[in-house]
Amino acid sequence: MALSMEEQRILTQIEVRLSEDDPRLAQRLARLGAPRGRRRTVVLIVTAIALVAAIAAGVAAAVL
């Protein structure tokens, strides 16, 4: 569900005030979500590579 323009404006004000009042906390909160997204992407890539390798090995075994 998307935020309304008013809700987005209020959220932006909260973010700005937090950054002004406690920059260290704001930086920590900004970094909090970043590793999860990267980790999920890495896991998906590794899983995809493993699946492709397993399929290729299965095809190679079936051909031989």
N, C-alpha and C. Protein backbone atom coordinates (compact mmCIF):
# COMPACT_ATOMS: atom_id res chain seq x y z
N MET A 1 0.85 -1.17 0.00
CA MET A 1 0.00 0.00 0.00
C MET A 1 0.90 1.24 0.00
N ALA A 2 0.68 2.10 -0.94
CA ALA A 2 1.50 3.31 -1.08
C ALA A 2 1.06 4.37 -0.07
N LEU A 3 2.02 5.21 0.30
CA LEU A 3 1.72 6.31 1.21
C LEU A 3 1.09 7.46 0.45
N SER A 4 0.19 8.16 1.12
CA SER A 4 -0.38 9.36 0.51
C SER A 4 0.69 10.45 0.51
N MET A 5 0.45 11.49 -0.22
CA MET A 5 1.41 12.60 -0.29
C MET A 5 1.63 13.20 1.10
N GLU A 6 0.57 13.33 1.89
CA GLU A 6 0.68 13.88 3.24
C GLU A 6 1.50 12.96 4.13
N GLU A 7 1.25 11.66 4.05
CA GLU A 7 2.01 10.70 4.85
C GLU A 7 3.50 10.71 4.46
N GLN A 8 3.77 10.80 3.17
CA GLN A 8 5.15 10.86 2.70
C GLN A 8 5.83 12.12 3.20
N ARG A 9 5.12 13.24 3.19
CA ARG A 9 5.68 14.50 3.68
C ARG A 9 6.01 14.40 5.17
N ILE A 10 5.11 13.81 5.95
CA ILE A 10 5.34 13.66 7.39
C ILE A 10 6.52 12.73 7.64
N LEU A 11 6.60 11.64 6.91
CA LEU A 11 7.72 10.72 7.05
C LEU A 11 9.05 11.39 6.73
N THR A 12 9.07 12.20 5.70
CA THR A 12 10.28 12.93 5.33
C THR A 12 10.68 13.90 6.44
N GLN A 13 9.71 14.58 7.02
CA GLN A 13 10.00 15.49 8.14
C GLN A 13 10.60 14.74 9.32
N ILE A 14 10.05 13.58 9.63
CA ILE A 14 10.56 12.77 10.74
C ILE A 14 12.01 12.36 10.45
N GLU A 15 12.28 11.93 9.24
CA GLU A 15 13.64 11.51 8.87
C GLU A 15 14.63 12.67 8.99
N VAL A 16 14.22 13.85 8.53
CA VAL A 16 15.09 15.02 8.60
C VAL A 16 15.36 15.40 10.05
N ARG A 17 14.32 15.41 10.85
CA ARG A 17 14.50 15.76 12.27
C ARG A 17 15.38 14.75 13.00
N LEU A 18 15.20 13.48 12.70
CA LEU A 18 16.04 12.46 13.32
C LEU A 18 17.50 12.66 12.93
N SER A 19 17.74 12.93 11.66
CA SER A 19 19.11 13.17 11.20
C SER A 19 19.72 14.37 11.89
N GLU A 20 18.93 15.40 12.14
CA GLU A 20 19.43 16.60 12.81
C GLU A 20 19.66 16.34 14.30
N ASP A 21 18.72 15.64 14.94
CA ASP A 21 18.80 15.42 16.39
C ASP A 21 19.84 14.37 16.77
N ASP A 22 19.91 13.30 16.03
CA ASP A 22 20.82 12.20 16.38
C ASP A 22 21.38 11.57 15.10
N PRO A 23 22.39 12.18 14.51
CA PRO A 23 22.93 11.69 13.24
C PRO A 23 23.46 10.25 13.31
N ARG A 24 24.06 9.89 14.45
CA ARG A 24 24.59 8.52 14.57
C ARG A 24 23.47 7.49 14.53
N LEU A 25 22.38 7.76 15.23
CA LEU A 25 21.24 6.85 15.21
C LEU A 25 20.65 6.78 13.81
N ALA A 26 20.53 7.91 13.15
CA ALA A 26 19.99 7.93 11.79
C ALA A 26 20.85 7.09 10.85
N GLN A 27 22.18 7.17 10.99
CA GLN A 27 23.07 6.37 10.15
C GLN A 27 22.92 4.88 10.46
N ARG A 28 22.81 4.54 11.74
CA ARG A 28 22.62 3.14 12.11
C ARG A 28 21.33 2.58 11.53
N LEU A 29 20.26 3.35 11.63
CA LEU A 29 18.98 2.90 11.11
C LEU A 29 19.01 2.78 9.59
N ALA A 30 19.73 3.67 8.93
CA ALA A 30 19.83 3.62 7.47
C ALA A 30 20.59 2.37 7.04
N ARG A 31 21.62 1.98 7.82
CA ARG A 31 22.41 0.79 7.49
C ARG A 31 21.72 -0.50 7.90
N LEU A 32 20.75 -0.41 8.78
CA LEU A 32 20.10 -1.60 9.32
C LEU A 32 19.50 -2.48 8.22
N GLY A 33 18.82 -1.90 7.26
CA GLY A 33 18.19 -2.68 6.21
C GLY A 33 19.08 -3.06 5.06
N ALA A 34 20.18 -2.37 4.89
CA ALA A 34 21.03 -2.61 3.73
C ALA A 34 21.63 -4.00 3.66
N PRO A 35 22.25 -4.52 4.71
CA PRO A 35 22.88 -5.84 4.59
C PRO A 35 21.89 -6.95 4.28
N ARG A 36 20.70 -6.86 4.79
CA ARG A 36 19.71 -7.91 4.51
C ARG A 36 19.41 -7.99 3.02
N GLY A 37 19.25 -6.85 2.40
CA GLY A 37 18.97 -6.84 0.97
C GLY A 37 20.13 -7.42 0.17
N ARG A 38 21.33 -7.04 0.54
CA ARG A 38 22.51 -7.58 -0.13
C ARG A 38 22.65 -9.06 0.12
N ARG A 39 22.46 -9.46 1.35
CA ARG A 39 22.59 -10.87 1.71
C ARG A 39 21.58 -11.71 0.93
N ARG A 40 20.36 -11.23 0.84
CA ARG A 40 19.32 -11.96 0.11
C ARG A 40 19.70 -12.08 -1.36
N THR A 41 20.23 -11.02 -1.93
CA THR A 41 20.64 -11.05 -3.33
C THR A 41 21.77 -12.05 -3.53
N VAL A 42 22.74 -12.05 -2.64
CA VAL A 42 23.86 -12.99 -2.75
C VAL A 42 23.36 -14.43 -2.62
N VAL A 43 22.47 -14.67 -1.67
CA VAL A 43 21.93 -16.01 -1.49
C VAL A 43 21.18 -16.46 -2.74
N LEU A 44 20.40 -15.58 -3.32
CA LEU A 44 19.67 -15.93 -4.54
C LEU A 44 20.61 -16.24 -5.70
N ILE A 45 21.66 -15.45 -5.85
CA ILE A 45 22.61 -15.68 -6.92
C ILE A 45 23.34 -17.01 -6.73
N VAL A 46 23.80 -17.26 -5.51
CA VAL A 46 24.50 -18.53 -5.23
C VAL A 46 23.57 -19.71 -5.45
N THR A 47 22.32 -19.60 -5.02
CA THR A 47 21.35 -20.67 -5.22
C THR A 47 21.10 -20.92 -6.70
N ALA A 48 20.96 -19.85 -7.46
CA ALA A 48 20.75 -19.99 -8.90
C ALA A 48 21.94 -20.67 -9.57
N ILE A 49 23.15 -20.29 -9.20
CA ILE A 49 24.35 -20.90 -9.77
C ILE A 49 24.40 -22.39 -9.41
N ALA A 50 24.08 -22.71 -8.16
CA ALA A 50 24.10 -24.11 -7.72
C ALA A 50 23.06 -24.93 -8.50
N LEU A 51 21.88 -24.37 -8.72
CA LEU A 51 20.85 -25.07 -9.49
C LEU A 51 21.28 -25.31 -10.93
N VAL A 52 21.87 -24.29 -11.53
CA VAL A 52 22.34 -24.44 -12.92
C VAL A 52 23.43 -25.51 -12.97
N ALA A 53 24.34 -25.50 -12.02
CA ALA A 53 25.40 -26.51 -11.99
C ALA A 53 24.82 -27.90 -11.79
N ALA A 54 23.83 -28.05 -10.92
CA ALA A 54 23.21 -29.35 -10.70
C ALA A 54 22.47 -29.85 -11.94
N ILE A 55 21.79 -28.96 -12.61
CA ILE A 55 21.09 -29.34 -13.85
C ILE A 55 22.09 -29.74 -14.91
N ALA A 56 23.18 -28.96 -15.05
CA ALA A 56 24.20 -29.29 -16.04
C ALA A 56 24.84 -30.64 -15.73
N ALA A 57 25.10 -30.91 -14.46
CA ALA A 57 25.68 -32.20 -14.07
C ALA A 57 24.70 -33.34 -14.37
N GLY A 58 23.44 -33.12 -14.12
CA GLY A 58 22.43 -34.14 -14.42
C GLY A 58 22.32 -34.42 -15.90
N VAL A 59 22.35 -33.38 -16.69
CA VAL A 59 22.28 -33.54 -18.15
C VAL A 59 23.53 -34.26 -18.65
N ALA A 60 24.67 -33.87 -18.14
CA ALA A 60 25.94 -34.51 -18.56
C ALA A 60 25.93 -35.98 -18.18
N ALA A 61 25.43 -36.32 -17.00
CA ALA A 61 25.38 -37.72 -16.56
C ALA A 61 24.40 -38.52 -17.42
N ALA A 62 23.31 -37.91 -17.81
CA ALA A 62 22.31 -38.60 -18.64
C ALA A 62 22.84 -38.84 -20.04
N VAL A 63 23.64 -37.92 -20.55
CA VAL A 63 24.18 -38.06 -21.91
C VAL A 63 25.26 -39.13 -21.94
N LEU A 64 26.06 -39.20 -20.90
CA LEU A 64 27.15 -40.19 -20.87
C LEU A 64 26.58 -41.49 -20.47
